[in-house]
C-alpha atoms as a PDB file:
ATOM      1  CA  MET A   1       0.000   0.000   0.000  1.00  0.00           C
ATOM      2  CA  SER A   2       1.406   3.381  -0.944  1.00  0.00           C
ATOM      3  CA  PHE A   3       1.514   6.105   1.700  1.00  0.00           C
ATOM      4  CA  THR A   4       0.919   9.728   0.783  1.00  0.00           C
ATOM      5  CA  ALA A   5       2.262  12.206   3.290  1.00  0.00           C
ATOM      6  CA  PRO A   6       0.299  15.351   4.084  1.00  0.00           C
ATOM      7  CA  ALA A   7       1.717  18.441   2.450  1.00  0.00           C
ATOM      8  CA  GLN A   8       3.674  20.694   4.794  1.00  0.00           C
ATOM      9  CA  PRO A   9       5.165  24.050   3.815  1.00  0.00           C
ATOM     10  CA  LYS A  10       8.913  24.164   3.661  1.00  0.00           C
ATOM     11  CA  ARG A  11      10.673  26.472   6.041  1.00  0.00           C
ATOM     12  CA  PRO A  12      13.133  29.157   4.930  1.00  0.00           C
ATOM     13  CA  ALA A  13      16.421  27.883   3.535  1.00  0.00           C
ATOM     14  CA  LEU A  14      19.010  26.843   6.081  1.00  0.00           C
ATOM     15  CA  SER A  15      21.311  29.675   5.067  1.00  0.00           C
ATOM     16  CA  GLN A  16      18.555  32.212   5.855  1.00  0.00           C
ATOM     17  CA  ARG A  17      17.916  31.188   9.460  1.00  0.00           C
ATOM     18  CA  ARG A  18      19.534  29.811  12.561  1.00  0.00           C
ATOM     19  CA  ALA A  19      18.957  26.131  13.101  1.00  0.00           C
ATOM     20  CA  VAL A  20      16.778  26.583  16.196  1.00  0.00           C
ATOM     21  CA  ALA A  21      15.258  29.515  18.008  1.00  0.00           C
ATOM     22  CA  GLY A  22      16.707  30.656  21.320  1.00  0.00           C
ATOM     23  CA  GLY A  23      20.189  31.661  20.178  1.00  0.00           C
ATOM     24  CA  ILE A  24      21.614  28.126  20.084  1.00  0.00           C
ATOM     25  CA  ASP A  25      23.148  27.087  16.782  1.00  0.00           C
ATOM     26  CA  LEU A  26      22.508  23.362  16.330  1.00  0.00           C
ATOM     27  CA  ARG A  27      23.799  23.237  12.759  1.00  0.00           C
ATOM     28  CA  VAL A  28      26.420  20.641  11.871  1.00  0.00           C
ATOM     29  CA  SER A  29      28.109  19.567   8.670  1.00  0.00           C
ATOM     30  CA  ILE A  30      28.890  16.071   7.438  1.00  0.00           C
ATOM     31  CA  GLY A  31      31.326  17.031   4.734  1.00  0.00           C
ATOM     32  CA  SER A  32      29.269  18.828   2.092  1.00  0.00           C
ATOM     33  CA  VAL A  33      25.954  17.857   3.724  1.00  0.00           C
ATOM     34  CA  SER A  34      24.615  20.597   6.014  1.00  0.00           C
ATOM     35  CA  LEU A  35      22.159  19.557   8.719  1.00  0.00           C
ATOM     36  CA  LYS A  36      20.006  21.915  10.777  1.00  0.00           C
ATOM     37  CA  ASN A  37      20.817  19.822  13.866  1.00  0.00           C
ATOM     38  CA  PRO A  38      22.807  16.647  14.621  1.00  0.00           C
ATOM     39  CA  ILE A  39      19.779  14.365  15.167  1.00  0.00           C
ATOM     40  CA  ILE A  40      19.235  11.825  12.367  1.00  0.00           C
ATOM     41  CA  ALA A  41      16.633   9.063  12.403  1.00  0.00           C
ATOM     42  CA  ALA A  42      18.482   5.782  11.821  1.00  0.00           C
ATOM     43  CA  SER A  43      17.769   3.300   9.050  1.00  0.00           C
ATOM     44  CA  GLY A  44      15.426   0.442   9.880  1.00  0.00           C
ATOM     45  CA  THR A  45      13.806   2.180  12.851  1.00  0.00           C
ATOM     46  CA  PHE A  46      11.912   4.988  11.108  1.00  0.00           C
ATOM     47  CA  ALA A  47      10.517   3.114   8.075  1.00  0.00           C
ATOM     48  CA  TYR A  48      10.855   5.349   5.008  1.00  0.00           C
ATOM     49  CA  GLY A  49      10.172   8.481   7.055  1.00  0.00           C
ATOM     50  CA  VAL A  50       6.802   9.378   5.550  1.00  0.00           C
ATOM     51  CA  GLU A  51       5.027   6.759   7.673  1.00  0.00           C
ATOM     52  CA  PHE A  52       5.885   8.855  10.758  1.00  0.00           C
ATOM     53  CA  ALA A  53       4.675  12.164   9.309  1.00  0.00           C
ATOM     54  CA  HIS A  54       1.395  12.074  11.268  1.00  0.00           C
ATOM     55  CA  LEU A  55       3.327  11.661  14.543  1.00  0.00           C
ATOM     56  CA  VAL A  56       6.503  13.659  14.020  1.00  0.00           C
ATOM     57  CA  ASP A  57       7.288  17.050  12.498  1.00  0.00           C
ATOM     58  CA  LEU A  58       9.816  15.746  10.003  1.00  0.00           C
ATOM     59  CA  ASN A  59      10.985  19.303   9.362  1.00  0.00           C
ATOM     60  CA  ARG A  60      12.469  19.389  12.865  1.00  0.00           C
ATOM     61  CA  LEU A  61      14.894  16.530  12.270  1.00  0.00           C
ATOM     62  CA  GLY A  62      18.430  16.963  11.038  1.00  0.00           C
ATOM     63  CA  GLY A  63      18.022  14.012   8.711  1.00  0.00           C
ATOM     64  CA  ILE A  64      16.275  10.742   7.967  1.00  0.00           C
ATOM     65  CA  VAL A  65      18.034   7.573   6.846  1.00  0.00           C
ATOM     66  CA  VAL A  66      15.424   5.482   5.113  1.00  0.00           C
ATOM     67  CA  LYS A  67      14.962   1.733   5.467  1.00  0.00           C
ATOM     68  CA  GLY A  68      17.690  -0.204   3.648  1.00  0.00           C
ATOM     69  CA  LEU A  69      17.147  -0.475  -0.094  1.00  0.00           C
ATOM     70  CA  SER A  70      18.044  -3.442  -2.277  1.00  0.00           C
ATOM     71  CA  ALA A  71      17.906  -3.938  -6.025  1.00  0.00           C
ATOM     72  CA  GLN A  72      14.821  -6.165  -5.697  1.00  0.00           C
ATOM     73  CA  PRO A  73      12.154  -6.302  -2.943  1.00  0.00           C
ATOM     74  CA  MET A  74      12.956  -8.571   0.003  1.00  0.00           C
ATOM     75  CA  VAL A  75      10.499 -10.259   2.375  1.00  0.00           C
ATOM     76  CA  GLY A  76      12.936 -10.524   5.282  1.00  0.00           C
ATOM     77  CA  ASN A  77      13.312 -13.174   7.957  1.00  0.00           C
ATOM     78  CA  PRO A  78      10.595 -15.383   9.468  1.00  0.00           C
ATOM     79  CA  ALA A  79       8.808 -14.159  12.600  1.00  0.00           C
ATOM     80  CA  PRO A  80       9.404 -13.482  15.394  1.00  0.00           C
ATOM     81  CA  ARG A  81      11.857 -10.788  14.390  1.00  0.00           C
ATOM     82  CA  MET A  82      12.481  -8.872  17.621  1.00  0.00           C
ATOM     83  CA  CYS A  83      12.945  -9.678  21.274  1.00  0.00           C
ATOM     84  CA  GLU A  84      13.529  -7.415  24.248  1.00  0.00           C
ATOM     85  CA  THR A  85      16.577  -7.917  26.408  1.00  0.00           C
ATOM     86  CA  VAL A  86      18.206  -6.125  29.342  1.00  0.00           C
ATOM     87  CA  GLY A  87      19.320  -2.722  28.129  1.00  0.00           C
ATOM     88  CA  GLY A  88      18.028  -3.064  24.607  1.00  0.00           C
ATOM     89  CA  MET A  89      16.593  -5.358  21.985  1.00  0.00           C
ATOM     90  CA  VAL A  90      17.737  -7.987  19.502  1.00  0.00           C
ATOM     91  CA  ASN A  91      16.324  -7.845  15.996  1.00  0.00           C
ATOM     92  CA  ALA A  92      16.490 -10.076  12.947  1.00  0.00           C
ATOM     93  CA  ILE A  93      14.336  -8.220  10.449  1.00  0.00           C
ATOM     94  CA  GLY A  94      16.332  -9.556   7.533  1.00  0.00           C
ATOM     95  CA  LEU A  95      16.490  -6.269   5.585  1.00  0.00           C
ATOM     96  CA  GLN A  96      12.875  -6.454   4.453  1.00  0.00           C
ATOM     97  CA  ASN A  97      12.163  -3.640   2.005  1.00  0.00           C
ATOM     98  CA  ILE A  98      10.100  -2.696  -1.044  1.00  0.00           C
ATOM     99  CA  GLY A  99      13.091  -2.405  -3.378  1.00  0.00           C
ATOM    100  CA  VAL A 100      14.800   0.697  -4.698  1.00  0.00           C
ATOM    101  CA  ARG A 101      12.498   1.256  -7.665  1.00  0.00           C
ATOM    102  CA  ALA A 102       9.321   1.184  -5.569  1.00  0.00           C
ATOM    103  CA  PHE A 103      11.004   3.544  -3.093  1.00  0.00           C
ATOM    104  CA  VAL A 104      11.754   6.065  -5.833  1.00  0.00           C
ATOM    105  CA  ALA A 105       8.221   5.821  -7.221  1.00  0.00           C
ATOM    106  CA  GLU A 106       6.168   5.616  -4.014  1.00  0.00           C
ATOM    107  CA  LYS A 107       8.123   7.119  -1.095  1.00  0.00           C
ATOM    108  CA  LEU A 108      10.646   9.644  -2.351  1.00  0.00           C
ATOM    109  CA  PRO A 109       8.100  12.061  -3.889  1.00  0.00           C
ATOM    110  CA  ALA A 110       6.473  12.531  -0.463  1.00  0.00           C
ATOM    111  CA  LEU A 111       9.852  12.965   1.249  1.00  0.00           C
ATOM    112  CA  ARG A 112      10.745  15.829  -1.071  1.00  0.00           C
ATOM    113  CA  ARG A 113       8.098  17.953   0.632  1.00  0.00           C
ATOM    114  CA  TYR A 114      10.161  18.238   3.787  1.00  0.00           C
ATOM    115  CA  ASP A 115      13.069  20.509   4.624  1.00  0.00           C
ATOM    116  CA  THR A 116      15.087  17.636   6.043  1.00  0.00           C
ATOM    117  CA  ALA A 117      18.089  15.807   4.620  1.00  0.00           C
ATOM    118  CA  VAL A 118      17.084  12.391   3.282  1.00  0.00           C
ATOM    119  CA  ILE A 119      19.780   9.722   3.156  1.00  0.00           C
ATOM    120  CA  ALA A 120      19.263   6.478   1.259  1.00  0.00           C
ATOM    121  CA  ASN A 121      20.612   3.367   2.975  1.00  0.00           C
ATOM    122  CA  VAL A 122      21.946   0.997   0.313  1.00  0.00           C
ATOM    123  CA  PHE A 123      22.890  -2.673   0.565  1.00  0.00           C
ATOM    124  CA  GLY A 124      23.528  -5.695  -1.612  1.00  0.00           C
ATOM    125  CA  HIS A 125      24.921  -9.203  -1.615  1.00  0.00           C
ATOM    126  CA  SER A 126      27.295  -8.504  -4.481  1.00  0.00           C
ATOM    127  CA  ILE A 127      29.101  -5.413  -5.662  1.00  0.00           C
ATOM    128  CA  SER A 128      26.932  -5.317  -8.765  1.00  0.00           C
ATOM    129  CA  GLU A 129      23.818  -5.098  -6.559  1.00  0.00           C
ATOM    130  CA  TYR A 130      25.227  -2.119  -4.638  1.00  0.00           C
ATOM    131  CA  VAL A 131      26.054  -0.406  -7.919  1.00  0.00           C
ATOM    132  CA  GLU A 132      22.594  -1.154  -9.349  1.00  0.00           C
ATOM    133  CA  VAL A 133      20.801   0.400  -6.375  1.00  0.00           C
ATOM    134  CA  ILE A 134      22.945   3.528  -6.476  1.00  0.00           C
ATOM    135  CA  GLY A 135      22.438   3.752 -10.236  1.00  0.00           C
ATOM    136  CA  VAL A 136      18.663   3.887  -9.796  1.00  0.00           C
ATOM    137  CA  LEU A 137      18.960   6.516  -7.049  1.00  0.00           C
ATOM    138  CA  GLU A 138      21.338   8.642  -9.117  1.00  0.00           C
ATOM    139  CA  ASP A 139      18.473   9.364 -11.516  1.00  0.00           C
ATOM    140  CA  ALA A 140      16.167  10.503  -8.685  1.00  0.00           C
ATOM    141  CA  GLU A 141      15.833  13.873  -6.970  1.00  0.00           C
ATOM    142  CA  GLY A 142      15.466  14.610  -3.273  1.00  0.00           C
ATOM    143  CA  LEU A 143      18.393  12.789  -1.641  1.00  0.00           C
ATOM    144  CA  ALA A 144      21.279  14.326   0.282  1.00  0.00           C
ATOM    145  CA  ALA A 145      23.615  11.313   0.503  1.00  0.00           C
ATOM    146  CA  TYR A 146      23.934   7.536   0.396  1.00  0.00           C
ATOM    147  CA  GLU A 147      24.624   5.364   3.436  1.00  0.00           C
ATOM    148  CA  LEU A 148      26.363   2.159   2.401  1.00  0.00           C
ATOM    149  CA  ASN A 149      25.516  -0.778   4.668  1.00  0.00           C
ATOM    150  CA  ILE A 150      28.500  -3.103   4.299  1.00  0.00           C
ATOM    151  CA  SER A 151      27.434  -5.518   7.061  1.00  0.00           C
ATOM    152  CA  CYS A 152      26.128  -7.874   4.401  1.00  0.00           C
ATOM    153  CA  PRO A 153      27.499 -11.245   3.275  1.00  0.00           C
ATOM    154  CA  ASN A 154      29.359 -11.214  -0.011  1.00  0.00           C
ATOM    155  CA  VAL A 155      27.841 -14.183  -1.835  1.00  0.00           C
ATOM    156  CA  GLU A 156      30.630 -14.033  -4.395  1.00  0.00           C
ATOM    157  CA  ARG A 157      33.254 -14.590  -1.669  1.00  0.00           C
ATOM    158  CA  GLY A 158      31.700 -17.430   0.312  1.00  0.00           C
ATOM    159  CA  GLY A 159      29.391 -15.277   2.438  1.00  0.00           C
ATOM    160  CA  ILE A 160      32.018 -13.318   4.393  1.00  0.00           C
ATOM    161  CA  GLU A 161      30.800  -9.862   5.400  1.00  0.00           C
ATOM    162  CA  TYR A 162      32.279  -6.987   3.424  1.00  0.00           C
ATOM    163  CA  SER A 163      32.845  -5.091   6.669  1.00  0.00           C
ATOM    164  CA  SER A 164      35.107  -7.751   8.150  1.00  0.00           C
ATOM    165  CA  ASP A 165      37.865  -7.459   5.536  1.00  0.00           C
ATOM    166  CA  PRO A 166      39.642  -4.178   4.648  1.00  0.00           C
ATOM    167  CA  ALA A 167      40.299  -5.434   1.116  1.00  0.00           C
ATOM    168  CA  GLN A 168      36.604  -6.137   0.529  1.00  0.00           C
ATOM    169  CA  ILE A 169      35.695  -2.797   2.097  1.00  0.00           C
ATOM    170  CA  ALA A 170      37.998  -1.066  -0.350  1.00  0.00           C
ATOM    171  CA  GLU A 171      36.435  -2.970  -3.249  1.00  0.00           C
ATOM    172  CA  VAL A 172      32.782  -2.309  -2.452  1.00  0.00           C
ATOM    173  CA  VAL A 173      33.307   1.295  -1.338  1.00  0.00           C
ATOM    174  CA  GLY A 174      35.431   2.019  -4.391  1.00  0.00           C
ATOM    175  CA  ALA A 175      32.756   0.654  -6.720  1.00  0.00           C
ATOM    176  CA  ALA A 176      30.029   2.590  -4.901  1.00  0.00           C
ATOM    177  CA  ARG A 177      32.121   5.763  -5.038  1.00  0.00           C
ATOM    178  CA  LYS A 178      32.382   5.495  -8.824  1.00  0.00           C
ATOM    179  CA  ALA A 179      28.635   4.891  -9.124  1.00  0.00           C
ATOM    180  CA  ALA A 180      27.699   7.720  -6.735  1.00  0.00           C
ATOM    181  CA  GLY A 181      28.695  10.640  -8.880  1.00  0.00           C
ATOM    182  CA  ARG A 182      26.041  13.063  -7.651  1.00  0.00           C
ATOM    183  CA  ARG A 183      26.101  12.604  -3.900  1.00  0.00           C
ATOM    184  CA  PRO A 184      28.307  12.011  -0.855  1.00  0.00           C
ATOM    185  CA  LEU A 185      28.866   8.445   0.315  1.00  0.00           C
ATOM    186  CA  TRP A 186      28.605   7.507   3.984  1.00  0.00           C
ATOM    187  CA  VAL A 187      29.786   4.031   4.961  1.00  0.00           C
ATOM    188  CA  LYS A 188      28.084   2.245   7.865  1.00  0.00           C
ATOM    189  CA  LEU A 189      30.637   0.064   9.609  1.00  0.00           C
ATOM    190  CA  SER A 190      30.226  -3.115  11.622  1.00  0.00           C
ATOM    191  CA  PRO A 191      31.385  -3.141  15.268  1.00  0.00           C
ATOM    192  CA  SER A 192      32.443  -6.774  14.912  1.00  0.00           C
ATOM    193  CA  VAL A 193      36.017  -6.117  13.877  1.00  0.00           C
ATOM    194  CA  GLY A 194      39.341  -6.342  15.659  1.00  0.00           C
ATOM    195  CA  ILE A 195      40.409  -2.714  15.242  1.00  0.00           C
ATOM    196  CA  ILE A 196      37.799  -0.223  14.040  1.00  0.00           C
ATOM    197  CA  GLY A 197      40.502   2.170  12.858  1.00  0.00           C
ATOM    198  CA  ILE A 198      41.655  -0.287  10.200  1.00  0.00           C
ATOM    199  CA  THR A 199      38.244  -0.795   8.623  1.00  0.00           C
ATOM    200  CA  ALA A 200      37.347   2.882   8.971  1.00  0.00           C
ATOM    201  CA  LYS A 201      40.586   3.909   7.250  1.00  0.00           C
ATOM    202  CA  ALA A 202      39.961   1.391   4.470  1.00  0.00           C
ATOM    203  CA  ALA A 203      36.578   3.039   3.840  1.00  0.00           C
ATOM    204  CA  GLU A 204      38.100   6.525   3.879  1.00  0.00           C
ATOM    205  CA  ASP A 205      40.920   5.583   1.512  1.00  0.00           C
ATOM    206  CA  ALA A 206      38.419   4.018  -0.916  1.00  0.00           C
ATOM    207  CA  GLY A 207      36.408   7.232  -1.171  1.00  0.00           C
ATOM    208  CA  ALA A 208      33.979   7.420   1.751  1.00  0.00           C
ATOM    209  CA  ASP A 209      32.925  10.959   2.637  1.00  0.00           C
ATOM    210  CA  ALA A 210      31.916   9.917   6.171  1.00  0.00           C
ATOM    211  CA  VAL A 211      31.545   6.781   8.272  1.00  0.00           C
ATOM    212  CA  VAL A 212      28.666   5.697  10.491  1.00  0.00           C
ATOM    213  CA  ILE A 213      29.713   3.836  13.655  1.00  0.00           C
ATOM    214  CA  ALA A 214      28.231   1.359  14.188  1.00  0.00           C
ATOM    215  CA  ASN A 215      25.775  -1.303  13.160  1.00  0.00           C
ATOM    216  CA  THR A 216      24.211  -3.765  15.634  1.00  0.00           C
ATOM    217  CA  TYR A 217      26.241  -6.332  17.579  1.00  0.00           C
ATOM    218  CA  PRO A 218      25.766 -10.066  16.836  1.00  0.00           C
ATOM    219  CA  ALA A 219      23.553 -11.588  19.517  1.00  0.00           C
ATOM    220  CA  LEU A 220      21.383 -14.548  20.480  1.00  0.00           C
ATOM    221  CA  CYS A 221      18.296 -14.618  22.720  1.00  0.00           C
ATOM    222  CA  LEU A 222      17.170 -18.002  24.018  1.00  0.00           C
ATOM    223  CA  ASP A 223      14.147 -19.408  25.791  1.00  0.00           C
ATOM    224  CA  SER A 224      15.773 -21.580  28.447  1.00  0.00           C
ATOM    225  CA  ARG A 225      12.627 -23.683  28.908  1.00  0.00           C
ATOM    226  CA  ASN A 226      12.137 -24.869  25.356  1.00  0.00           C
ATOM    227  CA  ARG A 227      15.809 -24.479  24.385  1.00  0.00           C
ATOM    228  CA  ARG A 228      14.927 -22.447  21.305  1.00  0.00           C
ATOM    229  CA  SER A 229      15.866 -19.064  20.007  1.00  0.00           C
ATOM    230  CA  LEU A 230      13.371 -16.260  20.558  1.00  0.00           C
ATOM    231  CA  LEU A 231      13.909 -15.220  16.941  1.00  0.00           C
ATOM    232  CA  GLY A 232      12.728 -16.981  13.819  1.00  0.00           C
ATOM    233  CA  SER A 233      16.180 -16.750  12.231  1.00  0.00           C
ATOM    234  CA  THR A 234      17.964 -17.890  15.439  1.00  0.00           C
ATOM    235  CA  THR A 235      20.505 -15.049  15.720  1.00  0.00           C
ATOM    236  CA  GLY A 236      20.126 -11.302  15.410  1.00  0.00           C
ATOM    237  CA  GLY A 237      21.668  -7.940  16.229  1.00  0.00           C
ATOM    238  CA  LEU A 238      21.763  -6.195  19.616  1.00  0.00           C
ATOM    239  CA  SER A 239      20.944  -2.490  19.836  1.00  0.00           C
ATOM    240  CA  GLY A 240      19.926  -0.067  22.567  1.00  0.00           C
ATOM    241  CA  PRO A 241      21.534   1.533  25.636  1.00  0.00           C
ATOM    242  CA  ALA A 242      23.596  -1.565  26.452  1.00  0.00           C
ATOM    243  CA  ILE A 243      25.880  -0.969  23.464  1.00  0.00           C
ATOM    244  CA  ARG A 244      26.373   2.787  23.919  1.00  0.00           C
ATOM    245  CA  PRO A 245      29.633   2.819  25.953  1.00  0.00           C
ATOM    246  CA  ILE A 246      31.219   0.252  23.634  1.00  0.00           C
ATOM    247  CA  THR A 247      30.242   2.171  20.510  1.00  0.00           C
ATOM    248  CA  ILE A 248      31.389   5.507  21.932  1.00  0.00           C
ATOM    249  CA  ARG A 249      34.792   3.850  22.360  1.00  0.00           C
ATOM    250  CA  LEU A 250      34.724   2.827  18.691  1.00  0.00           C
ATOM    251  CA  VAL A 251      33.891   6.395  17.660  1.00  0.00           C
ATOM    252  CA  TYR A 252      36.792   7.682  19.733  1.00  0.00           C
ATOM    253  CA  ASP A 253      39.226   5.136  18.280  1.00  0.00           C
ATOM    254  CA  ALA A 254      38.166   5.858  14.699  1.00  0.00           C
ATOM    255  CA  SER A 255      38.366   9.625  15.204  1.00  0.00           C
ATOM    256  CA  ARG A 256      42.054   9.311  15.976  1.00  0.00           C
ATOM    257  CA  VAL A 257      42.890   7.992  12.502  1.00  0.00           C
ATOM    258  CA  LEU A 258      40.263   9.567  10.220  1.00  0.00           C
ATOM    259  CA  ARG A 259      40.097  12.898   8.453  1.00  0.00           C
ATOM    260  CA  ILE A 260      36.465  12.443   7.383  1.00  0.00           C
ATOM    261  CA  PRO A 261      33.421  13.006   9.654  1.00  0.00           C
ATOM    262  CA  ILE A 262      31.907  10.311  11.876  1.00  0.00           C
ATOM    263  CA  ILE A 263      28.218   9.776  12.655  1.00  0.00           C
ATOM    264  CA  GLY A 264      27.704   7.943  15.950  1.00  0.00           C
ATOM    265  CA  LEU A 265      24.954   5.368  16.379  1.00  0.00           C
ATOM    266  CA  GLY A 266      24.009   3.155  19.306  1.00  0.00           C
ATOM    267  CA  GLY A 267      21.754   3.472  22.344  1.00  0.00           C
ATOM    268  CA  ILE A 268      21.041   7.209  22.163  1.00  0.00           C
ATOM    269  CA  GLU A 269      18.129   8.267  24.352  1.00  0.00           C
ATOM    270  CA  SER A 270      19.076  11.578  26.002  1.00  0.00           C
ATOM    271  CA  PRO A 271      20.858  14.844  25.170  1.00  0.00           C
ATOM    272  CA  ALA A 272      23.768  13.712  27.329  1.00  0.00           C
ATOM    273  CA  ASP A 273      24.089  10.635  25.085  1.00  0.00           C
ATOM    274  CA  VAL A 274      24.262  12.890  22.033  1.00  0.00           C
ATOM    275  CA  ALA A 275      26.901  15.055  23.693  1.00  0.00           C
ATOM    276  CA  GLU A 276      29.009  12.041  24.690  1.00  0.00           C
ATOM    277  CA  TYR A 277      29.158  10.771  21.114  1.00  0.00           C
ATOM    278  CA  MET A 278      30.108  14.211  19.833  1.00  0.00           C
ATOM    279  CA  VAL A 279      32.770  14.758  22.483  1.00  0.00           C
ATOM    280  CA  ALA A 280      34.253  11.385  21.494  1.00  0.00           C
ATOM    281  CA  GLY A 281      34.549  12.546  17.882  1.00  0.00           C
ATOM    282  CA  ALA A 282      31.157  12.321  16.140  1.00  0.00           C
ATOM    283  CA  SER A 283      29.832  15.241  14.107  1.00  0.00           C
ATOM    284  CA  ALA A 284      26.238  13.967  14.318  1.00  0.00           C
ATOM    285  CA  VAL A 285      24.294  10.994  15.640  1.00  0.00           C
ATOM    286  CA  GLU A 286      21.635   8.574  14.493  1.00  0.00           C
ATOM    287  CA  VAL A 287      18.770   7.558  16.776  1.00  0.00           C
ATOM    288  CA  GLY A 288      17.432   4.038  16.344  1.00  0.00           C
ATOM    289  CA  THR A 289      16.017   1.742  19.017  1.00  0.00           C
ATOM    290  CA  ALA A 290      14.552   4.663  20.971  1.00  0.00           C
ATOM    291  CA  HIS A 291      11.876   4.940  18.258  1.00  0.00           C
ATOM    292  CA  PHE A 292      10.436   1.588  19.346  1.00  0.00           C
ATOM    293  CA  VAL A 293       9.839   3.074  22.800  1.00  0.00           C
ATOM    294  CA  ASP A 294       8.664   6.457  21.554  1.00  0.00           C
ATOM    295  CA  PRO A 295       8.096   7.190  17.839  1.00  0.00           C
ATOM    296  CA  GLN A 296       8.723  10.880  18.614  1.00  0.00           C
ATOM    297  CA  ALA A 297      12.125  10.201  20.200  1.00  0.00           C
ATOM    298  CA  SER A 298      14.165  12.033  17.540  1.00  0.00           C
ATOM    299  CA  GLU A 299      11.994  15.141  17.518  1.00  0.00           C
ATOM    300  CA  LYS A 300      12.000  15.308  21.312  1.00  0.00           C
ATOM    301  CA  LEU A 301      15.785  14.974  21.309  1.00  0.00           C
ATOM    302  CA  VAL A 302      16.127  18.046  19.097  1.00  0.00           C
ATOM    303  CA  ILE A 303      14.237  20.050  21.715  1.00  0.00           C
ATOM    304  CA  SER A 304      16.079  18.581  24.692  1.00  0.00           C
ATOM    305  CA  VAL A 305      19.488  18.973  23.053  1.00  0.00           C
ATOM    306  CA  GLU A 306      18.803  22.676  22.577  1.00  0.00           C
ATOM    307  CA  LYS A 307      17.892  22.942  26.268  1.00  0.00           C
ATOM    308  CA  TRP A 308      21.064  21.032  27.213  1.00  0.00           C
ATOM    309  CA  CYS A 309      23.163  23.497  25.218  1.00  0.00           C
ATOM    310  CA  GLN A 310      21.448  26.423  26.930  1.00  0.00           C
ATOM    311  CA  ASP A 311      22.152  24.933  30.349  1.00  0.00           C
ATOM    312  CA  GLU A 312      25.802  24.373  29.384  1.00  0.00           C
ATOM    313  CA  ASN A 313      26.154  27.875  27.877  1.00  0.00           C
ATOM    314  CA  LEU A 314      27.149  26.243  24.593  1.00  0.00           C
ATOM    315  CA  LEU A 315      26.153  28.486  21.679  1.00  0.00           C
ATOM    316  CA  GLU A 316      27.346  26.186  18.863  1.00  0.00           C
ATOM    317  CA  ILE A 317      26.851  22.449  19.251  1.00  0.00           C
ATOM    318  CA  SER A 318      29.452  21.705  16.574  1.00  0.00           C
ATOM    319  CA  LYS A 319      32.109  22.825  19.075  1.00  0.00           C
ATOM    320  CA  LEU A 320      31.511  19.577  20.981  1.00  0.00           C
ATOM    321  CA  THR A 321      32.956  17.364  18.246  1.00  0.00           C
ATOM    322  CA  GLY A 322      36.256  15.878  19.326  1.00  0.00           C
ATOM    323  CA  SER A 323      36.461  17.993  22.467  1.00  0.00           C
ATOM    324  CA  ILE A 324      37.407  15.103  24.757  1.00  0.00           C
ATOM    325  CA  LYS A 325      40.033  16.103  27.300  1.00  0.00           C
ATOM    326  CA  ALA A 326      43.115  13.967  27.903  1.00  0.00           C
END
């Protein structure tokens, strides 16, 4: 079923206004992409954005990363697909999506009505699939950047994840960089690596304009009584507050070797969480699991982050990035 978002007037251009009222400048830049604030709705937790338009003022968000897009529609994993755990949740959605062509035809026109950066999350199981998806998106209007999800198995190399091998990262990012002539390329990294700096640097050297740290952590939830997994696909990915301190460490480690911006992702619920990621080296953050608790989590964070900056006498939030003290 196609969703048609209600029309909302666009606000004045970013260059003609401060990001938020009250004298606090929440604007940040991810390379050439300017955001009115550092709060981005993460892929897979905010559908394609337009489905939340009746609950959230999409114009208030810094950005929206849409549900991952593949060359062909995918039905995803068998149910159940999510289970709650201490400090978060484990999901095994299986990258269900309508396919890139249906997204361009049915979702993107509605997203263009909003004064918010729209980022297309792209994935594939072969390099040719990544290139095909980007090729379709290159002909469409209304996108600010691509987010390359490289936590996918490479079927041409025995199923090993692209993100686990710097050589494969270089190959897939390099191919995507050539295909993505119109827009910046963000690369979403896996946390399941020995040294995040090595994989992050491989992405940067291959042409990434920014990296997103990080994806979910491999996990398993069991029912001890029937000895079965709580998920239909057995294993899944852990997200939520439990992973935040670990991921902040990854952001910090990567920031020490990269020249390109970092977007932090993992367990963000409060303005202090946003600030911690930025102090560690992130230029912006993505909010994910919090949307399952409160669909308005991202919009509320924009408001509370402004209040946090006022309380801290911080006039420009971008000054937080990399401000960790030795």
